[in-house]
Amino acid sequence: MKKTIIMAAMLMALVLSSAAYAAAPLETVKGNVNRVLDILRDPALQGKALLEKKKEKLRAVYYDMFDERELSRRCLSRNWAKLTADQQKEFIHLFRQILENTYSDRILAYKNERIVFDKESALSSTQAEVYTRIITASSEVPIFYRLILSDGSWKVYDVVIENISLVQNYRSQFDEILAKNPPEKMLEILRNKLK
């Protein structure tokens, strides 16, 4: 009995210490955004011939930075439960590709604009928001990253650019599709969009 109590106490200490030592949300976002900037600025990755290699490196940052299951679940909201486990898995995969197709050109068009990491704000014990700005010669674009503490690290589950939430934007589109169609039809629409 005493051994069980000691083992349970040690296990709790490990779990609590891993959460306590998780990098702060602001530092997590800053580290990942700086990794993206390093890839975009890397002279060894310039030119059309190296575009796919650059995208591959950016994908690796995406996997580290985003909780794609949480992002996908929030985009489907109440409709998430209508999908089977296999359909959920396929949706995550297809949605990742749609995001890449939609946003990769914008990311690759980066021209050394200044990025300011302003502050973080706790939304709860497991959720936070990080406030950043992209400053260009003519404008300032606010970007908020919403994060969730997942398996001891902070992961992005939504990005709000100029007060437009990625999750809410896609949720309205998927709600419209799923109001008239079963989940399989939505997946078929996504597959066709990627062809």
N, C-alpha and C. Protein backbone atom coordinates (compact mmCIF):
# COMPACT_ATOMS: atom_id res chain seq x y z
N MET A 1 0.83 -1.20 0.00
CA MET A 1 0.00 0.00 0.00
C MET A 1 0.87 1.26 0.00
N LYS A 2 1.91 1.25 0.85
CA LYS A 2 2.80 2.41 0.95
C LYS A 2 3.53 2.63 -0.38
N LYS A 3 3.95 1.52 -1.04
CA LYS A 3 4.63 1.62 -2.33
C LYS A 3 3.69 2.23 -3.38
N THR A 4 2.42 1.84 -3.35
CA THR A 4 1.44 2.36 -4.29
C THR A 4 1.27 3.86 -4.11
N ILE A 5 1.19 4.31 -2.88
CA ILE A 5 1.03 5.74 -2.59
C ILE A 5 2.27 6.51 -3.06
N ILE A 6 3.45 5.98 -2.80
CA ILE A 6 4.69 6.64 -3.23
C ILE A 6 4.76 6.71 -4.75
N MET A 7 4.40 5.61 -5.43
CA MET A 7 4.41 5.59 -6.90
C MET A 7 3.40 6.60 -7.46
N ALA A 8 2.21 6.67 -6.85
CA ALA A 8 1.19 7.61 -7.31
C ALA A 8 1.67 9.05 -7.12
N ALA A 9 2.33 9.31 -5.99
CA ALA A 9 2.85 10.67 -5.72
C ALA A 9 3.94 11.03 -6.73
N MET A 10 4.80 10.07 -7.06
CA MET A 10 5.86 10.34 -8.04
C MET A 10 5.27 10.60 -9.42
N LEU A 11 4.25 9.82 -9.78
CA LEU A 11 3.60 9.98 -11.07
C LEU A 11 2.94 11.35 -11.16
N MET A 12 2.25 11.76 -10.10
CA MET A 12 1.61 13.09 -10.07
C MET A 12 2.65 14.20 -10.18
N ALA A 13 3.76 14.04 -9.49
CA ALA A 13 4.83 15.04 -9.55
C ALA A 13 5.36 15.18 -10.97
N LEU A 14 5.52 14.04 -11.66
CA LEU A 14 5.99 14.08 -13.06
C LEU A 14 4.99 14.79 -13.97
N VAL A 15 3.70 14.46 -13.82
CA VAL A 15 2.66 15.08 -14.64
C VAL A 15 2.60 16.57 -14.38
N LEU A 16 2.59 16.97 -13.13
CA LEU A 16 2.50 18.38 -12.79
C LEU A 16 3.74 19.15 -13.22
N SER A 17 4.91 18.54 -13.07
CA SER A 17 6.13 19.25 -13.45
C SER A 17 6.22 19.42 -14.96
N SER A 18 5.72 18.46 -15.75
CA SER A 18 5.78 18.62 -17.20
C SER A 18 4.88 19.76 -17.64
N ALA A 19 3.72 19.95 -17.02
CA ALA A 19 2.85 21.08 -17.36
C ALA A 19 3.48 22.39 -16.91
N ALA A 20 4.11 22.36 -15.76
CA ALA A 20 4.71 23.58 -15.22
C ALA A 20 5.90 24.03 -16.07
N TYR A 21 6.62 23.09 -16.67
CA TYR A 21 7.78 23.44 -17.46
C TYR A 21 7.48 23.59 -18.95
N ALA A 22 6.21 23.46 -19.33
CA ALA A 22 5.86 23.70 -20.72
C ALA A 22 6.17 25.16 -21.04
N ALA A 23 6.76 25.39 -22.19
CA ALA A 23 7.09 26.76 -22.58
C ALA A 23 5.82 27.60 -22.55
N ALA A 24 5.95 28.85 -22.16
CA ALA A 24 4.80 29.74 -22.11
C ALA A 24 4.21 29.90 -23.51
N PRO A 25 2.91 30.19 -23.61
CA PRO A 25 2.28 30.33 -24.93
C PRO A 25 3.00 31.34 -25.83
N LEU A 26 3.36 32.49 -25.28
CA LEU A 26 4.04 33.52 -26.09
C LEU A 26 5.36 33.00 -26.63
N GLU A 27 6.13 32.33 -25.78
CA GLU A 27 7.43 31.79 -26.21
C GLU A 27 7.25 30.68 -27.25
N THR A 28 6.20 29.90 -27.10
CA THR A 28 5.91 28.83 -28.06
C THR A 28 5.60 29.41 -29.44
N VAL A 29 4.70 30.41 -29.47
CA VAL A 29 4.34 31.04 -30.74
C VAL A 29 5.56 31.72 -31.35
N LYS A 30 6.27 32.47 -30.53
CA LYS A 30 7.45 33.19 -31.02
C LYS A 30 8.48 32.23 -31.61
N GLY A 31 8.73 31.13 -30.92
CA GLY A 31 9.70 30.14 -31.41
C GLY A 31 9.28 29.55 -32.75
N ASN A 32 7.99 29.20 -32.87
CA ASN A 32 7.52 28.60 -34.12
C ASN A 32 7.47 29.60 -35.26
N VAL A 33 7.01 30.82 -34.99
CA VAL A 33 6.98 31.85 -36.03
C VAL A 33 8.39 32.17 -36.49
N ASN A 34 9.33 32.24 -35.56
CA ASN A 34 10.73 32.49 -35.94
C ASN A 34 11.31 31.35 -36.76
N ARG A 35 10.89 30.12 -36.49
CA ARG A 35 11.32 28.99 -37.32
C ARG A 35 10.81 29.17 -38.75
N VAL A 36 9.54 29.60 -38.88
CA VAL A 36 8.96 29.85 -40.21
C VAL A 36 9.77 30.93 -40.92
N LEU A 37 10.06 32.02 -40.21
CA LEU A 37 10.82 33.12 -40.81
C LEU A 37 12.22 32.67 -41.23
N ASP A 38 12.85 31.85 -40.42
CA ASP A 38 14.17 31.33 -40.78
C ASP A 38 14.12 30.53 -42.08
N ILE A 39 13.07 29.73 -42.24
CA ILE A 39 12.91 28.93 -43.46
C ILE A 39 12.68 29.86 -44.66
N LEU A 40 11.81 30.86 -44.48
CA LEU A 40 11.51 31.78 -45.58
C LEU A 40 12.72 32.60 -46.00
N ARG A 41 13.58 32.93 -45.05
CA ARG A 41 14.76 33.76 -45.33
C ARG A 41 15.99 32.95 -45.75
N ASP A 42 15.95 31.66 -45.57
CA ASP A 42 17.12 30.81 -45.82
C ASP A 42 17.58 30.91 -47.28
N PRO A 43 18.78 31.43 -47.51
CA PRO A 43 19.26 31.57 -48.89
C PRO A 43 19.41 30.23 -49.60
N ALA A 44 19.60 29.17 -48.83
CA ALA A 44 19.75 27.84 -49.44
C ALA A 44 18.41 27.27 -49.92
N LEU A 45 17.30 27.97 -49.62
CA LEU A 45 15.97 27.48 -50.03
C LEU A 45 15.29 28.44 -51.01
N GLN A 46 16.05 29.28 -51.67
CA GLN A 46 15.47 30.24 -52.60
C GLN A 46 15.39 29.65 -54.00
N GLY A 47 14.43 30.11 -54.76
CA GLY A 47 14.27 29.65 -56.15
C GLY A 47 13.17 28.62 -56.29
N LYS A 48 12.58 28.58 -57.47
CA LYS A 48 11.45 27.68 -57.74
C LYS A 48 11.83 26.21 -57.60
N ALA A 49 13.06 25.87 -57.91
CA ALA A 49 13.50 24.47 -57.84
C ALA A 49 13.46 23.94 -56.41
N LEU A 50 13.58 24.84 -55.44
CA LEU A 50 13.62 24.43 -54.03
C LEU A 50 12.30 24.70 -53.30
N LEU A 51 11.26 25.05 -54.05
CA LEU A 51 9.98 25.40 -53.44
C LEU A 51 9.39 24.24 -52.65
N GLU A 52 9.43 23.04 -53.19
CA GLU A 52 8.85 21.89 -52.49
C GLU A 52 9.62 21.57 -51.22
N LYS A 53 10.93 21.72 -51.25
CA LYS A 53 11.74 21.49 -50.05
C LYS A 53 11.39 22.52 -48.97
N LYS A 54 11.18 23.77 -49.38
CA LYS A 54 10.79 24.83 -48.45
C LYS A 54 9.43 24.51 -47.84
N LYS A 55 8.48 24.07 -48.67
CA LYS A 55 7.14 23.72 -48.18
C LYS A 55 7.21 22.55 -47.20
N GLU A 56 8.07 21.60 -47.48
CA GLU A 56 8.25 20.44 -46.60
C GLU A 56 8.72 20.89 -45.22
N LYS A 57 9.65 21.84 -45.17
CA LYS A 57 10.15 22.36 -43.90
C LYS A 57 9.05 23.14 -43.17
N LEU A 58 8.25 23.88 -43.92
CA LEU A 58 7.14 24.62 -43.32
C LEU A 58 6.08 23.68 -42.76
N ARG A 59 5.85 22.55 -43.45
CA ARG A 59 4.90 21.55 -42.94
C ARG A 59 5.35 21.01 -41.58
N ALA A 60 6.65 20.81 -41.42
CA ALA A 60 7.17 20.30 -40.15
C ALA A 60 6.88 21.28 -39.02
N VAL A 61 6.98 22.58 -39.29
CA VAL A 61 6.65 23.58 -38.28
C VAL A 61 5.16 23.54 -37.98
N TYR A 62 4.33 23.38 -39.01
CA TYR A 62 2.88 23.29 -38.82
C TYR A 62 2.54 22.15 -37.85
N TYR A 63 3.15 20.98 -38.08
CA TYR A 63 2.87 19.83 -37.21
C TYR A 63 3.26 20.12 -35.76
N ASP A 64 4.36 20.83 -35.56
CA ASP A 64 4.81 21.17 -34.22
C ASP A 64 3.94 22.25 -33.58
N MET A 65 3.48 23.17 -34.39
CA MET A 65 2.80 24.37 -33.88
C MET A 65 1.31 24.17 -33.64
N PHE A 66 0.65 23.42 -34.52
CA PHE A 66 -0.81 23.30 -34.47
C PHE A 66 -1.27 21.97 -33.89
N ASP A 67 -2.38 22.02 -33.17
CA ASP A 67 -3.09 20.81 -32.75
C ASP A 67 -4.15 20.61 -33.83
N GLU A 68 -3.79 19.89 -34.88
CA GLU A 68 -4.67 19.81 -36.03
C GLU A 68 -5.97 19.06 -35.73
N ARG A 69 -5.94 18.16 -34.77
CA ARG A 69 -7.19 17.48 -34.38
C ARG A 69 -8.14 18.48 -33.71
N GLU A 70 -7.60 19.28 -32.80
CA GLU A 70 -8.41 20.28 -32.11
C GLU A 70 -8.93 21.33 -33.10
N LEU A 71 -8.08 21.78 -34.00
CA LEU A 71 -8.47 22.73 -35.03
C LEU A 71 -9.60 22.16 -35.87
N SER A 72 -9.46 20.93 -36.32
CA SER A 72 -10.47 20.28 -37.15
C SER A 72 -11.77 20.09 -36.38
N ARG A 73 -11.66 19.63 -35.13
CA ARG A 73 -12.84 19.41 -34.30
C ARG A 73 -13.61 20.71 -34.10
N ARG A 74 -12.90 21.79 -33.83
CA ARG A 74 -13.56 23.08 -33.62
C ARG A 74 -14.19 23.62 -34.91
N CYS A 75 -13.57 23.35 -36.04
CA CYS A 75 -14.14 23.80 -37.32
C CYS A 75 -15.45 23.08 -37.63
N LEU A 76 -15.57 21.86 -37.20
CA LEU A 76 -16.81 21.11 -37.43
C LEU A 76 -17.79 21.26 -36.28
N SER A 77 -17.31 21.68 -35.10
CA SER A 77 -18.15 21.91 -33.93
C SER A 77 -19.03 20.69 -33.65
N ARG A 78 -20.32 20.92 -33.53
CA ARG A 78 -21.24 19.82 -33.16
C ARG A 78 -21.28 18.72 -34.23
N ASN A 79 -20.87 19.03 -35.47
CA ASN A 79 -20.88 18.04 -36.55
C ASN A 79 -19.75 17.02 -36.43
N TRP A 80 -18.73 17.33 -35.61
CA TRP A 80 -17.59 16.41 -35.44
C TRP A 80 -18.06 15.02 -35.02
N ALA A 81 -19.04 14.98 -34.13
CA ALA A 81 -19.54 13.69 -33.60
C ALA A 81 -20.30 12.89 -34.66
N LYS A 82 -20.70 13.52 -35.74
CA LYS A 82 -21.41 12.81 -36.80
C LYS A 82 -20.47 11.98 -37.66
N LEU A 83 -19.17 12.28 -37.60
CA LEU A 83 -18.18 11.56 -38.40
C LEU A 83 -17.70 10.32 -37.65
N THR A 84 -17.46 9.26 -38.37
CA THR A 84 -16.83 8.08 -37.77
C THR A 84 -15.37 8.41 -37.49
N ALA A 85 -14.69 7.56 -36.75
CA ALA A 85 -13.26 7.78 -36.45
C ALA A 85 -12.45 7.86 -37.75
N ASP A 86 -12.75 6.99 -38.72
CA ASP A 86 -12.03 7.02 -40.00
C ASP A 86 -12.33 8.30 -40.78
N GLN A 87 -13.58 8.75 -40.73
CA GLN A 87 -13.94 9.99 -41.41
C GLN A 87 -13.26 11.19 -40.76
N GLN A 88 -13.17 11.17 -39.43
CA GLN A 88 -12.47 12.25 -38.72
C GLN A 88 -11.01 12.31 -39.15
N LYS A 89 -10.39 11.15 -39.21
CA LYS A 89 -8.99 11.07 -39.61
C LYS A 89 -8.80 11.60 -41.04
N GLU A 90 -9.70 11.20 -41.94
CA GLU A 90 -9.60 11.68 -43.32
C GLU A 90 -9.86 13.19 -43.38
N PHE A 91 -10.84 13.67 -42.59
CA PHE A 91 -11.13 15.10 -42.59
C PHE A 91 -9.89 15.90 -42.15
N ILE A 92 -9.22 15.46 -41.10
CA ILE A 92 -8.01 16.14 -40.63
C ILE A 92 -6.98 16.22 -41.75
N HIS A 93 -6.79 15.11 -42.45
CA HIS A 93 -5.82 15.05 -43.56
C HIS A 93 -6.21 15.99 -44.70
N LEU A 94 -7.48 15.96 -45.10
CA LEU A 94 -7.95 16.81 -46.20
C LEU A 94 -7.91 18.28 -45.81
N PHE A 95 -8.33 18.58 -44.58
CA PHE A 95 -8.37 19.96 -44.13
C PHE A 95 -6.95 20.55 -44.07
N ARG A 96 -5.99 19.76 -43.65
CA ARG A 96 -4.58 20.20 -43.63
C ARG A 96 -4.15 20.60 -45.04
N GLN A 97 -4.51 19.80 -46.03
CA GLN A 97 -4.13 20.11 -47.42
C GLN A 97 -4.83 21.37 -47.92
N ILE A 98 -6.10 21.55 -47.54
CA ILE A 98 -6.84 22.74 -47.94
C ILE A 98 -6.20 23.98 -47.33
N LEU A 99 -5.83 23.91 -46.06
CA LEU A 99 -5.16 25.05 -45.42
C LEU A 99 -3.85 25.37 -46.12
N GLU A 100 -3.09 24.33 -46.46
CA GLU A 100 -1.82 24.55 -47.15
C GLU A 100 -2.04 25.21 -48.49
N ASN A 101 -3.01 24.70 -49.26
CA ASN A 101 -3.28 25.28 -50.58
C ASN A 101 -3.76 26.73 -50.47
N THR A 102 -4.53 27.01 -49.43
CA THR A 102 -5.10 28.35 -49.27
C THR A 102 -4.08 29.36 -48.79
N TYR A 103 -3.21 28.94 -47.85
CA TYR A 103 -2.34 29.91 -47.18
C TYR A 103 -0.87 29.86 -47.55
N SER A 104 -0.42 28.83 -48.26
CA SER A 104 1.02 28.72 -48.52
C SER A 104 1.54 29.86 -49.39
N ASP A 105 0.77 30.29 -50.39
CA ASP A 105 1.23 31.40 -51.23
C ASP A 105 1.40 32.68 -50.41
N ARG A 106 0.48 32.91 -49.49
CA ARG A 106 0.57 34.11 -48.64
C ARG A 106 1.80 34.05 -47.74
N ILE A 107 2.06 32.87 -47.20
CA ILE A 107 3.22 32.71 -46.32
C ILE A 107 4.51 32.87 -47.13
N LEU A 108 4.53 32.25 -48.31
CA LEU A 108 5.72 32.31 -49.15
C LEU A 108 5.97 33.71 -49.72
N ALA A 109 4.95 34.57 -49.70
CA ALA A 109 5.10 35.94 -50.21
C ALA A 109 5.71 36.88 -49.17
N TYR A 110 6.12 36.35 -48.04
CA TYR A 110 6.70 37.17 -46.97
C TYR A 110 7.90 37.98 -47.50
N LYS A 111 7.91 39.27 -47.18
CA LYS A 111 8.97 40.16 -47.67
C LYS A 111 9.64 40.92 -46.52
N ASN A 112 10.05 40.22 -45.50
CA ASN A 112 10.76 40.82 -44.36
C ASN A 112 9.94 41.83 -43.56
N GLU A 113 8.61 41.68 -43.55
CA GLU A 113 7.80 42.51 -42.68
C GLU A 113 8.18 42.22 -41.23
N ARG A 114 8.03 43.23 -40.39
CA ARG A 114 8.39 43.07 -38.98
C ARG A 114 7.23 42.43 -38.23
N ILE A 115 7.54 41.47 -37.37
CA ILE A 115 6.53 40.83 -36.54
C ILE A 115 6.81 41.16 -35.09
N VAL A 116 5.78 41.67 -34.42
CA VAL A 116 5.89 42.06 -33.01
C VAL A 116 5.06 41.08 -32.19
N PHE A 117 5.67 40.53 -31.16
CA PHE A 117 4.99 39.62 -30.26
C PHE A 117 4.63 40.43 -29.01
N ASP A 118 3.37 40.82 -28.89
CA ASP A 118 2.96 41.76 -27.86
C ASP A 118 2.81 41.15 -26.47
N LYS A 119 1.88 40.20 -26.35
CA LYS A 119 1.61 39.64 -25.02
C LYS A 119 0.81 38.36 -25.14
N GLU A 120 0.69 37.69 -24.02
CA GLU A 120 -0.18 36.52 -23.94
C GLU A 120 -1.23 36.80 -22.88
N SER A 121 -2.35 36.14 -23.04
CA SER A 121 -3.45 36.29 -22.10
C SER A 121 -4.03 34.92 -21.83
N ALA A 122 -4.19 34.56 -20.56
CA ALA A 122 -4.77 33.27 -20.20
C ALA A 122 -6.28 33.32 -20.40
N LEU A 123 -6.81 32.35 -21.11
CA LEU A 123 -8.26 32.23 -21.27
C LEU A 123 -8.82 31.26 -20.24
N SER A 124 -7.98 30.31 -19.82
CA SER A 124 -8.30 29.34 -18.75
C SER A 124 -6.97 28.71 -18.37
N SER A 125 -7.01 27.69 -17.53
CA SER A 125 -5.75 27.04 -17.13
C SER A 125 -5.13 26.26 -18.28
N THR A 126 -5.93 25.94 -19.31
CA THR A 126 -5.40 25.16 -20.43
C THR A 126 -5.56 25.87 -21.78
N GLN A 127 -5.98 27.12 -21.77
CA GLN A 127 -6.13 27.86 -23.01
C GLN A 127 -5.56 29.26 -22.85
N ALA A 128 -4.98 29.77 -23.93
CA ALA A 128 -4.37 31.10 -23.91
C ALA A 128 -4.48 31.73 -25.28
N GLU A 129 -4.24 33.03 -25.32
CA GLU A 129 -4.23 33.76 -26.57
C GLU A 129 -2.96 34.60 -26.62
N VAL A 130 -2.29 34.59 -27.76
CA VAL A 130 -1.06 35.36 -27.94
C VAL A 130 -1.34 36.44 -28.98
N TYR A 131 -1.03 37.67 -28.61
CA TYR A 131 -1.27 38.83 -29.47
C TYR A 131 0.01 39.19 -30.22
N THR A 132 -0.09 39.24 -31.55
CA THR A 132 1.05 39.63 -32.38
C THR A 132 0.57 40.63 -33.43
N ARG A 133 1.52 41.27 -34.09
CA ARG A 133 1.22 42.20 -35.17
C ARG A 133 2.26 42.05 -36.27
N ILE A 134 1.79 42.11 -37.52
CA ILE A 134 2.70 42.20 -38.66
C ILE A 134 2.71 43.67 -39.07
N ILE A 135 3.89 44.25 -39.10
CA ILE A 135 4.00 45.67 -39.42
C ILE A 135 4.66 45.82 -40.79
N THR A 136 3.92 46.43 -41.70
CA THR A 136 4.43 46.70 -43.04
C THR A 136 4.68 48.21 -43.16
N ALA A 137 5.14 48.64 -44.30
CA ALA A 137 5.40 50.07 -44.51
C ALA A 137 4.11 50.89 -44.44
N SER A 138 2.99 50.26 -44.80
CA SER A 138 1.74 51.02 -44.86
C SER A 138 0.65 50.58 -43.89
N SER A 139 0.85 49.47 -43.19
CA SER A 139 -0.23 49.00 -42.31
C SER A 139 0.30 48.15 -41.16
N GLU A 140 -0.63 47.84 -40.27
CA GLU A 140 -0.34 46.99 -39.12
C GLU A 140 -1.46 45.95 -39.05
N VAL A 141 -1.12 44.69 -39.11
CA VAL A 141 -2.13 43.62 -39.14
C VAL A 141 -2.08 42.85 -37.82
N PRO A 142 -3.16 42.91 -37.03
CA PRO A 142 -3.18 42.14 -35.78
C PRO A 142 -3.47 40.66 -36.05
N ILE A 143 -2.71 39.81 -35.39
CA ILE A 143 -2.92 38.36 -35.48
C ILE A 143 -2.92 37.80 -34.06
N PHE A 144 -4.01 37.10 -33.71
CA PHE A 144 -4.12 36.46 -32.41
C PHE A 144 -4.04 34.95 -32.61
N TYR A 145 -3.18 34.31 -31.86
CA TYR A 145 -3.07 32.85 -31.87
C TYR A 145 -3.77 32.32 -30.63
N ARG A 146 -4.71 31.41 -30.80
CA ARG A 146 -5.38 30.77 -29.66
C ARG A 146 -4.76 29.39 -29.48
N LEU A 147 -4.34 29.13 -28.24
CA LEU A 147 -3.61 27.90 -27.95
C LEU A 147 -4.30 27.08 -26.88
N ILE A 148 -4.01 25.79 -26.91
CA ILE A 148 -4.50 24.87 -25.90
C ILE A 148 -3.30 24.07 -25.38
N LEU A 149 -3.31 23.80 -24.08
CA LEU A 149 -2.25 22.97 -23.49
C LEU A 149 -2.60 21.51 -23.76
N SER A 150 -1.77 20.86 -24.56
CA SER A 150 -2.04 19.50 -25.00
C SER A 150 -0.80 18.63 -24.78
N ASP A 151 -0.93 17.61 -23.96
CA ASP A 151 0.19 16.70 -23.68
C ASP A 151 1.44 17.46 -23.23
N GLY A 152 1.23 18.47 -22.39
CA GLY A 152 2.36 19.18 -21.80
C GLY A 152 2.98 20.27 -22.66
N SER A 153 2.37 20.55 -23.84
CA SER A 153 2.90 21.65 -24.66
C SER A 153 1.74 22.46 -25.24
N TRP A 154 2.02 23.73 -25.52
CA TRP A 154 1.02 24.63 -26.07
C TRP A 154 0.95 24.45 -27.58
N LYS A 155 -0.29 24.27 -28.08
CA LYS A 155 -0.51 24.09 -29.51
C LYS A 155 -1.59 25.06 -29.97
N VAL A 156 -1.44 25.59 -31.16
CA VAL A 156 -2.42 26.52 -31.73
C VAL A 156 -3.63 25.74 -32.23
N TYR A 157 -4.83 26.25 -31.90
CA TYR A 157 -6.05 25.64 -32.42
C TYR A 157 -6.89 26.64 -33.22
N ASP A 158 -6.50 27.92 -33.23
CA ASP A 158 -7.20 28.92 -34.03
C ASP A 158 -6.27 30.12 -34.24
N VAL A 159 -6.45 30.79 -35.36
CA VAL A 159 -5.72 32.01 -35.67
C VAL A 159 -6.76 33.05 -36.07
N VAL A 160 -6.67 34.22 -35.46
CA VAL A 160 -7.59 35.31 -35.77
C VAL A 160 -6.79 36.42 -36.44
N ILE A 161 -7.10 36.69 -37.70
CA ILE A 161 -6.39 37.72 -38.47
C ILE A 161 -7.37 38.84 -38.78
N GLU A 162 -7.05 40.03 -38.32
CA GLU A 162 -7.93 41.19 -38.51
C GLU A 162 -9.37 40.86 -38.10
N ASN A 163 -9.50 40.28 -36.92
CA ASN A 163 -10.78 39.93 -36.31
C ASN A 163 -11.57 38.86 -37.05
N ILE A 164 -10.92 38.12 -37.92
CA ILE A 164 -11.58 37.00 -38.61
C ILE A 164 -10.93 35.71 -38.14
N SER A 165 -11.73 34.89 -37.47
CA SER A 165 -11.25 33.62 -36.93
C SER A 165 -11.23 32.55 -38.01
N LEU A 166 -10.11 31.87 -38.13
CA LEU A 166 -9.98 30.75 -39.06
C LEU A 166 -11.05 29.70 -38.76
N VAL A 167 -11.21 29.37 -37.48
CA VAL A 167 -12.18 28.35 -37.07
C VAL A 167 -13.61 28.77 -37.43
N GLN A 168 -13.99 29.98 -37.06
CA GLN A 168 -15.36 30.43 -37.34
C GLN A 168 -15.63 30.53 -38.83
N ASN A 169 -14.64 30.98 -39.59
CA ASN A 169 -14.80 31.09 -41.03
C ASN A 169 -15.08 29.72 -41.65
N TYR A 170 -14.27 28.73 -41.32
CA TYR A 170 -14.48 27.40 -41.88
C TYR A 170 -15.70 26.72 -41.28
N ARG A 171 -15.99 26.98 -40.00
CA ARG A 171 -17.16 26.36 -39.38
C ARG A 171 -18.43 26.72 -40.13
N SER A 172 -18.57 27.99 -40.49
CA SER A 172 -19.78 28.39 -41.22
C SER A 172 -19.87 27.68 -42.57
N GLN A 173 -18.75 27.50 -43.23
CA GLN A 173 -18.75 26.80 -44.52
C GLN A 173 -19.12 25.32 -44.35
N PHE A 174 -18.53 24.67 -43.35
CA PHE A 174 -18.82 23.24 -43.13
C PHE A 174 -20.24 23.05 -42.60
N ASP A 175 -20.73 23.97 -41.78
CA ASP A 175 -22.12 23.89 -41.29
C ASP A 175 -23.09 23.92 -42.47
N GLU A 176 -22.81 24.79 -43.42
CA GLU A 176 -23.67 24.91 -44.60
C GLU A 176 -23.69 23.62 -45.41
N ILE A 177 -22.52 23.03 -45.60
CA ILE A 177 -22.45 21.76 -46.35
C ILE A 177 -23.17 20.65 -45.60
N LEU A 178 -22.91 20.55 -44.28
CA LEU A 178 -23.46 19.43 -43.50
C LEU A 178 -24.93 19.61 -43.16
N ALA A 179 -25.47 20.81 -43.34
CA ALA A 179 -26.91 21.02 -43.12
C ALA A 179 -27.72 20.30 -44.20
N LYS A 180 -27.10 20.10 -45.38
CA LYS A 180 -27.81 19.49 -46.51
C LYS A 180 -27.26 18.13 -46.92
N ASN A 181 -26.09 17.77 -46.36
CA ASN A 181 -25.41 16.56 -46.83
C ASN A 181 -24.88 15.73 -45.66
N PRO A 182 -24.72 14.42 -45.89
CA PRO A 182 -24.07 13.58 -44.87
C PRO A 182 -22.56 13.82 -44.87
N PRO A 183 -21.86 13.40 -43.81
CA PRO A 183 -20.41 13.60 -43.73
C PRO A 183 -19.64 13.07 -44.93
N GLU A 184 -20.04 11.95 -45.48
CA GLU A 184 -19.32 11.37 -46.62
C GLU A 184 -19.35 12.32 -47.82
N LYS A 185 -20.48 13.01 -48.01
CA LYS A 185 -20.59 13.95 -49.12
C LYS A 185 -19.65 15.14 -48.90
N MET A 186 -19.54 15.60 -47.64
CA MET A 186 -18.60 16.68 -47.34
C MET A 186 -17.18 16.26 -47.68
N LEU A 187 -16.80 15.03 -47.29
CA LEU A 187 -15.46 14.53 -47.59
C LEU A 187 -15.23 14.44 -49.09
N GLU A 188 -16.27 14.03 -49.81
CA GLU A 188 -16.17 13.95 -51.28
C GLU A 188 -15.95 15.35 -51.87
N ILE A 189 -16.66 16.35 -51.35
CA ILE A 189 -16.49 17.73 -51.82
C ILE A 189 -15.05 18.18 -51.57
N LEU A 190 -14.50 17.85 -50.38
CA LEU A 190 -13.13 18.24 -50.06
C LEU A 190 -12.12 17.52 -50.96
N ARG A 191 -12.36 16.24 -51.20
CA ARG A 191 -11.46 15.48 -52.08
C ARG A 191 -11.43 16.10 -53.47
N ASN A 192 -12.62 16.45 -53.98
CA ASN A 192 -12.72 17.04 -55.32
C ASN A 192 -12.06 18.40 -55.37
N LYS A 193 -12.18 19.15 -54.29
CA LYS A 193 -11.56 20.48 -54.24
C LYS A 193 -10.03 20.38 -54.33
N LEU A 194 -9.49 19.29 -53.83
CA LEU A 194 -8.04 19.12 -53.82
C LEU A 194 -7.51 18.54 -55.13
N LYS A 195 -8.39 18.09 -56.01
CA LYS A 195 -7.93 17.51 -57.29
C LYS A 195 -7.44 18.59 -58.22
